[in-house]
Amino acid sequence: MEKDKKKMDWKPAIEIFSRVSTWVVVPIVLALIVGKALDNHYGTKPWIFLGLTAVGFIFSSYGIVRVVFDYIKKIEKEEEKNLNKTNN
């Protein structure tokens, strides 16, 4: 039984890592690609690129905070459930 518990401990960590990594990579990479393409099209180097990069960073930050708060709520619910089990 103890061996099974140790085996499962990595799954929540991988889940949170993948969700946070997605919020870091996707918005910023999209902002960089789109910003560079728009700068080349309109000849505004580097202003659209920098602006969209800043927007991507802000969007990523919001997503990361949201994921972390969701995870904290999940942990609090599990702790409350465990506390209720031990009291009964």
PDB file of N, CA and C in Angstrom:
ATOM      1  N   MET A   1       0.825  -1.188   0.000  1.00  0.00           N
ATOM      2  CA  MET A   1       0.000   0.000   0.000  1.00  0.00           C
ATOM      3  C   MET A   1       0.874   1.260   0.000  1.00  0.00           C
ATOM      4  N   GLU A   2       1.898   1.292   0.829  1.00  0.00           N
ATOM      5  CA  GLU A   2       2.802   2.449   0.895  1.00  0.00           C
ATOM      6  C   GLU A   2       3.507   2.664  -0.442  1.00  0.00           C
ATOM      7  N   LYS A   3       3.868   1.585  -1.108  1.00  0.00           N
ATOM      8  CA  LYS A   3       4.541   1.681  -2.398  1.00  0.00           C
ATOM      9  C   LYS A   3       3.632   2.315  -3.443  1.00  0.00           C
ATOM     10  N   ASP A   4       2.348   1.979  -3.443  1.00  0.00           N
ATOM     11  CA  ASP A   4       1.390   2.559  -4.377  1.00  0.00           C
ATOM     12  C   ASP A   4       1.231   4.056  -4.142  1.00  0.00           C
ATOM     13  N   LYS A   5       1.222   4.472  -2.892  1.00  0.00           N
ATOM     14  CA  LYS A   5       1.086   5.892  -2.564  1.00  0.00           C
ATOM     15  C   LYS A   5       2.285   6.676  -3.088  1.00  0.00           C
ATOM     16  N   LYS A   6       3.486   6.153  -2.914  1.00  0.00           N
ATOM     17  CA  LYS A   6       4.689   6.820  -3.420  1.00  0.00           C
ATOM     18  C   LYS A   6       4.681   6.890  -4.937  1.00  0.00           C
ATOM     19  N   LYS A   7       4.146   5.878  -5.560  1.00  0.00           N
ATOM     20  CA  LYS A   7       4.094   5.829  -7.011  1.00  0.00           C
ATOM     21  C   LYS A   7       3.205   6.935  -7.578  1.00  0.00           C
ATOM     22  N   MET A   8       2.164   7.305  -6.880  1.00  0.00           N
ATOM     23  CA  MET A   8       1.190   8.279  -7.364  1.00  0.00           C
ATOM     24  C   MET A   8       1.563   9.728  -7.037  1.00  0.00           C
ATOM     25  N   ASP A   9       2.546   9.970  -6.212  1.00  0.00           N
ATOM     26  CA  ASP A   9       2.872  11.324  -5.760  1.00  0.00           C
ATOM     27  C   ASP A   9       3.321  12.255  -6.880  1.00  0.00           C
ATOM     28  N   TRP A  10       3.855  11.740  -7.952  1.00  0.00           N
ATOM     29  CA  TRP A  10       4.374  12.597  -9.009  1.00  0.00           C
ATOM     30  C   TRP A  10       3.284  13.132  -9.928  1.00  0.00           C
ATOM     31  N   LYS A  11       2.117  12.508  -9.963  1.00  0.00           N
ATOM     32  CA  LYS A  11       1.069  12.914 -10.907  1.00  0.00           C
ATOM     33  C   LYS A  11       0.559  14.338 -10.686  1.00  0.00           C
ATOM     34  N   PRO A  12       0.255  14.774  -9.460  1.00  0.00           N
ATOM     35  CA  PRO A  12      -0.181  16.168  -9.292  1.00  0.00           C
ATOM     36  C   PRO A  12       0.915  17.170  -9.665  1.00  0.00           C
ATOM     37  N   ALA A  13       2.150  16.817  -9.391  1.00  0.00           N
ATOM     38  CA  ALA A  13       3.254  17.714  -9.730  1.00  0.00           C
ATOM     39  C   ALA A  13       3.394  17.867 -11.242  1.00  0.00           C
ATOM     40  N   ILE A  14       3.271  16.769 -11.962  1.00  0.00           N
ATOM     41  CA  ILE A  14       3.351  16.831 -13.425  1.00  0.00           C
ATOM     42  C   ILE A  14       2.176  17.618 -13.988  1.00  0.00           C
ATOM     43  N   GLU A  15       0.995  17.437 -13.402  1.00  0.00           N
ATOM     44  CA  GLU A  15      -0.186  18.163 -13.872  1.00  0.00           C
ATOM     45  C   GLU A  15      -0.009  19.670 -13.709  1.00  0.00           C
ATOM     46  N   ILE A  16       0.408  20.094 -12.533  1.00  0.00           N
ATOM     47  CA  ILE A  16       0.578  21.532 -12.298  1.00  0.00           C
ATOM     48  C   ILE A  16       1.711  22.087 -13.148  1.00  0.00           C
ATOM     49  N   PHE A  17       2.784  21.318 -13.310  1.00  0.00           N
ATOM     50  CA  PHE A  17       3.902  21.751 -14.152  1.00  0.00           C
ATOM     51  C   PHE A  17       3.457  21.946 -15.599  1.00  0.00           C
ATOM     52  N   SER A  18       2.676  21.009 -16.117  1.00  0.00           N
ATOM     53  CA  SER A  18       2.250  21.119 -17.512  1.00  0.00           C
ATOM     54  C   SER A  18       1.280  22.279 -17.711  1.00  0.00           C
ATOM     55  N   ARG A  19       0.387  22.505 -16.748  1.00  0.00           N
ATOM     56  CA  ARG A  19      -0.549  23.628 -16.880  1.00  0.00           C
ATOM     57  C   ARG A  19       0.172  24.964 -16.821  1.00  0.00           C
ATOM     58  N   VAL A  20       1.111  25.103 -15.888  1.00  0.00           N
ATOM     59  CA  VAL A  20       1.857  26.360 -15.780  1.00  0.00           C
ATOM     60  C   VAL A  20       2.758  26.552 -17.002  1.00  0.00           C
ATOM     61  N   SER A  21       3.401  25.496 -17.455  1.00  0.00           N
ATOM     62  CA  SER A  21       4.268  25.593 -18.636  1.00  0.00           C
ATOM     63  C   SER A  21       3.485  26.012 -19.874  1.00  0.00           C
ATOM     64  N   THR A  22       2.280  25.496 -20.004  1.00  0.00           N
ATOM     65  CA  THR A  22       1.436  25.878 -21.126  1.00  0.00           C
ATOM     66  C   THR A  22       1.119  27.364 -21.079  1.00  0.00           C
ATOM     67  N   TRP A  23       0.821  27.870 -19.874  1.00  0.00           N
ATOM     68  CA  TRP A  23       0.533  29.297 -19.735  1.00  0.00           C
ATOM     69  C   TRP A  23       1.762  30.159 -19.991  1.00  0.00           C
ATOM     70  N   VAL A  24       2.945  29.620 -19.790  1.00  0.00           N
ATOM     71  CA  VAL A  24       4.163  30.387 -20.061  1.00  0.00           C
ATOM     72  C   VAL A  24       4.457  30.392 -21.556  1.00  0.00           C
ATOM     73  N   VAL A  25       4.402  29.235 -22.168  1.00  0.00           N
ATOM     74  CA  VAL A  25       4.875  29.081 -23.541  1.00  0.00           C
ATOM     75  C   VAL A  25       3.889  29.613 -24.576  1.00  0.00           C
ATOM     76  N   VAL A  26       2.655  29.178 -24.524  1.00  0.00           N
ATOM     77  CA  VAL A  26       1.716  29.458 -25.617  1.00  0.00           C
ATOM     78  C   VAL A  26       1.472  30.953 -25.838  1.00  0.00           C
ATOM     79  N   PRO A  27       1.045  31.727 -24.833  1.00  0.00           N
ATOM     80  CA  PRO A  27       0.781  33.145 -25.113  1.00  0.00           C
ATOM     81  C   PRO A  27       2.020  33.927 -25.546  1.00  0.00           C
ATOM     82  N   ILE A  28       3.152  33.643 -24.931  1.00  0.00           N
ATOM     83  CA  ILE A  28       4.351  34.409 -25.262  1.00  0.00           C
ATOM     84  C   ILE A  28       4.857  34.044 -26.652  1.00  0.00           C
ATOM     85  N   VAL A  29       4.877  32.768 -26.980  1.00  0.00           N
ATOM     86  CA  VAL A  29       5.347  32.356 -28.311  1.00  0.00           C
ATOM     87  C   VAL A  29       4.414  32.897 -29.388  1.00  0.00           C
ATOM     88  N   LEU A  30       3.105  32.806 -29.166  1.00  0.00           N
ATOM     89  CA  LEU A  30       2.161  33.363 -30.141  1.00  0.00           C
ATOM     90  C   LEU A  30       2.362  34.868 -30.306  1.00  0.00           C
ATOM     91  N   ALA A  31       2.554  35.571 -29.200  1.00  0.00           N
ATOM     92  CA  ALA A  31       2.779  37.016 -29.266  1.00  0.00           C
ATOM     93  C   ALA A  31       4.056  37.335 -30.034  1.00  0.00           C
ATOM     94  N   LEU A  32       5.099  36.553 -29.816  1.00  0.00           N
ATOM     95  CA  LEU A  32       6.355  36.798 -30.526  1.00  0.00           C
ATOM     96  C   LEU A  32       6.203  36.566 -32.031  1.00  0.00           C
ATOM     97  N   ILE A  33       5.547  35.471 -32.403  1.00  0.00           N
ATOM     98  CA  ILE A  33       5.386  35.151 -33.824  1.00  0.00           C
ATOM     99  C   ILE A  33       4.497  36.188 -34.512  1.00  0.00           C
ATOM    100  N   VAL A  34       3.353  36.475 -33.909  1.00  0.00           N
ATOM    101  CA  VAL A  34       2.429  37.439 -34.515  1.00  0.00           C
ATOM    102  C   VAL A  34       3.041  38.833 -34.536  1.00  0.00           C
ATOM    103  N   GLY A  35       3.707  39.227 -33.460  1.00  0.00           N
ATOM    104  CA  GLY A  35       4.334  40.547 -33.403  1.00  0.00           C
ATOM    105  C   GLY A  35       5.401  40.734 -34.459  1.00  0.00           C
ATOM    106  N   LYS A  36       6.220  39.722 -34.662  1.00  0.00           N
ATOM    107  CA  LYS A  36       7.267  39.801 -35.676  1.00  0.00           C
ATOM    108  C   LYS A  36       6.653  39.890 -37.080  1.00  0.00           C
ATOM    109  N   ALA A  37       5.607  39.088 -37.322  1.00  0.00           N
ATOM    110  CA  ALA A  37       4.953  39.112 -38.638  1.00  0.00           C
ATOM    111  C   ALA A  37       4.296  40.466 -38.897  1.00  0.00           C
ATOM    112  N   LEU A  38       3.633  41.012 -37.900  1.00  0.00           N
ATOM    113  CA  LEU A  38       2.989  42.319 -38.079  1.00  0.00           C
ATOM    114  C   LEU A  38       4.017  43.431 -38.248  1.00  0.00           C
ATOM    115  N   ASP A  39       5.120  43.368 -37.537  1.00  0.00           N
ATOM    116  CA  ASP A  39       6.189  44.356 -37.713  1.00  0.00           C
ATOM    117  C   ASP A  39       6.757  44.302 -39.133  1.00  0.00           C
ATOM    118  N   ASN A  40       6.950  43.099 -39.641  1.00  0.00           N
ATOM    119  CA  ASN A  40       7.446  42.974 -41.013  1.00  0.00           C
ATOM    120  C   ASN A  40       6.434  43.498 -42.019  1.00  0.00           C
ATOM    121  N   HIS A  41       5.160  43.255 -41.769  1.00  0.00           N
ATOM    122  CA  HIS A  41       4.112  43.687 -42.701  1.00  0.00           C
ATOM    123  C   HIS A  41       3.948  45.206 -42.695  1.00  0.00           C
ATOM    124  N   TYR A  42       3.937  45.807 -41.520  1.00  0.00           N
ATOM    125  CA  TYR A  42       3.697  47.248 -41.405  1.00  0.00           C
ATOM    126  C   TYR A  42       4.973  48.086 -41.316  1.00  0.00           C
ATOM    127  N   GLY A  43       6.122  47.445 -41.215  1.00  0.00           N
ATOM    128  CA  GLY A  43       7.385  48.177 -41.125  1.00  0.00           C
ATOM    129  C   GLY A  43       7.531  48.965 -39.843  1.00  0.00           C
ATOM    130  N   THR A  44       7.076  48.439 -38.761  1.00  0.00           N
ATOM    131  CA  THR A  44       7.111  49.155 -37.478  1.00  0.00           C
ATOM    132  C   THR A  44       8.096  48.539 -36.501  1.00  0.00           C
ATOM    133  N   LYS A  45       9.119  47.877 -36.996  1.00  0.00           N
ATOM    134  CA  LYS A  45      10.063  47.184 -36.100  1.00  0.00           C
ATOM    135  C   LYS A  45      10.536  48.110 -35.004  1.00  0.00           C
ATOM    136  N   PRO A  46      10.592  47.723 -33.809  1.00  0.00           N
ATOM    137  CA  PRO A  46      10.152  46.534 -33.086  1.00  0.00           C
ATOM    138  C   PRO A  46       8.893  46.776 -32.273  1.00  0.00           C
ATOM    139  N   TRP A  47       8.093  47.791 -32.576  1.00  0.00           N
ATOM    140  CA  TRP A  47       7.047  48.251 -31.670  1.00  0.00           C
ATOM    141  C   TRP A  47       5.889  47.278 -31.485  1.00  0.00           C
ATOM    142  N   ILE A  48       5.351  46.731 -32.548  1.00  0.00           N
ATOM    143  CA  ILE A  48       4.260  45.766 -32.391  1.00  0.00           C
ATOM    144  C   ILE A  48       4.787  44.513 -31.687  1.00  0.00           C
ATOM    145  N   PHE A  49       5.982  44.103 -32.073  1.00  0.00           N
ATOM    146  CA  PHE A  49       6.633  42.948 -31.450  1.00  0.00           C
ATOM    147  C   PHE A  49       6.743  43.142 -29.936  1.00  0.00           C
ATOM    148  N   LEU A  50       7.240  44.289 -29.512  1.00  0.00           N
ATOM    149  CA  LEU A  50       7.397  44.558 -28.081  1.00  0.00           C
ATOM    150  C   LEU A  50       6.050  44.690 -27.380  1.00  0.00           C
ATOM    151  N   GLY A  51       5.099  45.345 -28.029  1.00  0.00           N
ATOM    152  CA  GLY A  51       3.776  45.507 -27.432  1.00  0.00           C
ATOM    153  C   GLY A  51       3.072  44.178 -27.224  1.00  0.00           C
ATOM    154  N   LEU A  52       3.079  43.333 -28.251  1.00  0.00           N
ATOM    155  CA  LEU A  52       2.426  42.033 -28.113  1.00  0.00           C
ATOM    156  C   LEU A  52       3.172  41.123 -27.139  1.00  0.00           C
ATOM    157  N   THR A  53       4.481  41.271 -27.055  1.00  0.00           N
ATOM    158  CA  THR A  53       5.237  40.505 -26.071  1.00  0.00           C
ATOM    159  C   THR A  53       4.817  40.896 -24.654  1.00  0.00           C
ATOM    160  N   ALA A  54       4.631  42.194 -24.421  1.00  0.00           N
ATOM    161  CA  ALA A  54       4.173  42.663 -23.109  1.00  0.00           C
ATOM    162  C   ALA A  54       2.770  42.140 -22.805  1.00  0.00           C
ATOM    163  N   VAL A  55       1.888  42.172 -23.794  1.00  0.00           N
ATOM    164  CA  VAL A  55       0.530  41.653 -23.607  1.00  0.00           C
ATOM    165  C   VAL A  55       0.579  40.147 -23.328  1.00  0.00           C
ATOM    166  N   GLY A  56       1.415  39.423 -24.060  1.00  0.00           N
ATOM    167  CA  GLY A  56       1.568  37.987 -23.832  1.00  0.00           C
ATOM    168  C   GLY A  56       2.087  37.686 -22.437  1.00  0.00           C
ATOM    169  N   PHE A  57       3.016  38.503 -21.962  1.00  0.00           N
ATOM    170  CA  PHE A  57       3.548  38.323 -20.609  1.00  0.00           C
ATOM    171  C   PHE A  57       2.457  38.550 -19.563  1.00  0.00           C
ATOM    172  N   ILE A  58       1.664  39.591 -19.740  1.00  0.00           N
ATOM    173  CA  ILE A  58       0.585  39.883 -18.792  1.00  0.00           C
ATOM    174  C   ILE A  58      -0.449  38.759 -18.814  1.00  0.00           C
ATOM    175  N   PHE A  59      -0.810  38.297 -20.007  1.00  0.00           N
ATOM    176  CA  PHE A  59      -1.765  37.202 -20.153  1.00  0.00           C
ATOM    177  C   PHE A  59      -1.227  35.932 -19.496  1.00  0.00           C
ATOM    178  N   SER A  60       0.060  35.639 -19.688  1.00  0.00           N
ATOM    179  CA  SER A  60       0.691  34.472 -19.066  1.00  0.00           C
ATOM    180  C   SER A  60       0.675  34.583 -17.549  1.00  0.00           C
ATOM    181  N   SER A  61       0.988  35.750 -17.050  1.00  0.00           N
ATOM    182  CA  SER A  61       0.997  35.959 -15.602  1.00  0.00           C
ATOM    183  C   SER A  61      -0.377  35.715 -15.002  1.00  0.00           C
ATOM    184  N   TYR A  62      -1.409  36.224 -15.658  1.00  0.00           N
ATOM    185  CA  TYR A  62      -2.779  36.011 -15.190  1.00  0.00           C
ATOM    186  C   TYR A  62      -3.110  34.515 -15.170  1.00  0.00           C
ATOM    187  N   GLY A  63      -2.771  33.814 -16.230  1.00  0.00           N
ATOM    188  CA  GLY A  63      -3.052  32.387 -16.305  1.00  0.00           C
ATOM    189  C   GLY A  63      -2.340  31.585 -15.241  1.00  0.00           C
ATOM    190  N   ILE A  64      -1.090  31.925 -14.986  1.00  0.00           N
ATOM    191  CA  ILE A  64      -0.308  31.217 -13.974  1.00  0.00           C
ATOM    192  C   ILE A  64      -0.919  31.441 -12.590  1.00  0.00           C
ATOM    193  N   VAL A  65      -1.279  32.672 -12.280  1.00  0.00           N
ATOM    194  CA  VAL A  65      -1.892  32.977 -10.980  1.00  0.00           C
ATOM    195  C   VAL A  65      -3.203  32.213 -10.829  1.00  0.00           C
ATOM    196  N   ARG A  66      -3.997  32.162 -11.894  1.00  0.00           N
ATOM    197  CA  ARG A  66      -5.269  31.435 -11.847  1.00  0.00           C
ATOM    198  C   ARG A  66      -5.058  29.946 -11.584  1.00  0.00           C
ATOM    199  N   VAL A  67      -4.082  29.344 -12.273  1.00  0.00           N
ATOM    200  CA  VAL A  67      -3.787  27.919 -12.082  1.00  0.00           C
ATOM    201  C   VAL A  67      -3.334  27.654 -10.647  1.00  0.00           C
ATOM    202  N   VAL A  68      -2.478  28.504 -10.128  1.00  0.00           N
ATOM    203  CA  VAL A  68      -1.960  28.317  -8.769  1.00  0.00           C
ATOM    204  C   VAL A  68      -3.085  28.466  -7.743  1.00  0.00           C
ATOM    205  N   PHE A  69      -3.951  29.466  -7.907  1.00  0.00           N
ATOM    206  CA  PHE A  69      -5.061  29.614  -6.968  1.00  0.00           C
ATOM    207  C   PHE A  69      -6.025  28.436  -7.042  1.00  0.00           C
ATOM    208  N   ASP A  70      -6.288  27.922  -8.229  1.00  0.00           N
ATOM    209  CA  ASP A  70      -7.131  26.727  -8.358  1.00  0.00           C
ATOM    210  C   ASP A  70      -6.505  25.549  -7.632  1.00  0.00           C
ATOM    211  N   TYR A  71      -5.206  25.398  -7.759  1.00  0.00           N
ATOM    212  CA  TYR A  71      -4.494  24.304  -7.099  1.00  0.00           C
ATOM    213  C   TYR A  71      -4.546  24.464  -5.574  1.00  0.00           C
ATOM    214  N   ILE A  72      -4.399  25.691  -5.098  1.00  0.00           N
ATOM    215  CA  ILE A  72      -4.472  25.949  -3.661  1.00  0.00           C
ATOM    216  C   ILE A  72      -5.862  25.599  -3.132  1.00  0.00           C
ATOM    217  N   LYS A  73      -6.909  25.974  -3.861  1.00  0.00           N
ATOM    218  CA  LYS A  73      -8.276  25.635  -3.447  1.00  0.00           C
ATOM    219  C   LYS A  73      -8.469  24.124  -3.406  1.00  0.00           C
ATOM    220  N   LYS A  74      -7.915  23.428  -4.383  1.00  0.00           N
ATOM    221  CA  LYS A  74      -8.024  21.977  -4.427  1.00  0.00           C
ATOM    222  C   LYS A  74      -7.352  21.352  -3.197  1.00  0.00           C
ATOM    223  N   ILE A  75      -6.176  21.838  -2.847  1.00  0.00           N
ATOM    224  CA  ILE A  75      -5.460  21.327  -1.675  1.00  0.00           C
ATOM    225  C   ILE A  75      -6.250  21.605  -0.403  1.00  0.00           C
ATOM    226  N   GLU A  76      -6.825  22.810  -0.281  1.00  0.00           N
ATOM    227  CA  GLU A  76      -7.610  23.149   0.901  1.00  0.00           C
ATOM    228  C   GLU A  76      -8.833  22.247   1.037  1.00  0.00           C
ATOM    229  N   LYS A  77      -9.502  21.939  -0.084  1.00  0.00           N
ATOM    230  CA  LYS A  77     -10.657  21.041  -0.037  1.00  0.00           C
ATOM    231  C   LYS A  77     -10.242  19.642   0.408  1.00  0.00           C
ATOM    232  N   GLU A  78      -9.115  19.157  -0.094  1.00  0.00           N
ATOM    233  CA  GLU A  78      -8.629  17.835   0.302  1.00  0.00           C
ATOM    234  C   GLU A  78      -8.275  17.809   1.783  1.00  0.00           C
ATOM    235  N   GLU A  79      -7.638  18.871   2.274  1.00  0.00           N
ATOM    236  CA  GLU A  79      -7.295  18.933   3.698  1.00  0.00           C
ATOM    237  C   GLU A  79      -8.550  18.967   4.560  1.00  0.00           C
ATOM    238  N   GLU A  80      -9.555  19.714   4.137  1.00  0.00           N
ATOM    239  CA  GLU A  80     -10.806  19.795   4.883  1.00  0.00           C
ATOM    240  C   GLU A  80     -11.507  18.442   4.898  1.00  0.00           C
ATOM    241  N   LYS A  81     -11.484  17.752   3.759  1.00  0.00           N
ATOM    242  CA  LYS A  81     -12.091  16.429   3.680  1.00  0.00           C
ATOM    243  C   LYS A  81     -11.362  15.449   4.596  1.00  0.00           C
ATOM    244  N   ASN A  82     -10.033  15.495   4.598  1.00  0.00           N
ATOM    245  CA  ASN A  82      -9.253  14.617   5.482  1.00  0.00           C
ATOM    246  C   ASN A  82      -9.493  14.953   6.942  1.00  0.00           C
ATOM    247  N   LEU A  83      -9.620  16.220   7.254  1.00  0.00           N
ATOM    248  CA  LEU A  83      -9.881  16.637   8.628  1.00  0.00           C
ATOM    249  C   LEU A  83     -11.249  16.136   9.085  1.00  0.00           C
ATOM    250  N   ASN A  84     -12.240  16.218   8.207  1.00  0.00           N
ATOM    251  CA  ASN A  84     -13.581  15.723   8.540  1.00  0.00           C
ATOM    252  C   ASN A  84     -13.580  14.212   8.748  1.00  0.00           C
ATOM    253  N   LYS A  85     -12.790  13.493   7.966  1.00  0.00           N
ATOM    254  CA  LYS A  85     -12.695  12.040   8.121  1.00  0.00           C
ATOM    255  C   LYS A  85     -12.077  11.669   9.454  1.00  0.00           C
ATOM    256  N   THR A  86     -11.043  12.388   9.853  1.00  0.00           N
ATOM    257  CA  THR A  86     -10.365  12.071  11.120  1.00  0.00           C
ATOM    258  C   THR A  86     -11.225  12.428  12.324  1.00  0.00           C
ATOM    259  N   ASN A  87     -12.070  13.461  12.196  1.00  0.00           N
ATOM    260  CA  ASN A  87     -12.946  13.863  13.301  1.00  0.00           C
ATOM    261  C   ASN A  87     -14.120  12.902  13.476  1.00  0.00           C
ATOM    262  N   ASN A  88     -14.522  12.234  12.424  1.00  0.00           N
ATOM    263  CA  ASN A  88     -15.672  11.318  12.510  1.00  0.00           C
ATOM    264  C   ASN A  88     -15.264   9.947  12.877  1.00  0.00           C
TER     265      ASN A  88
END
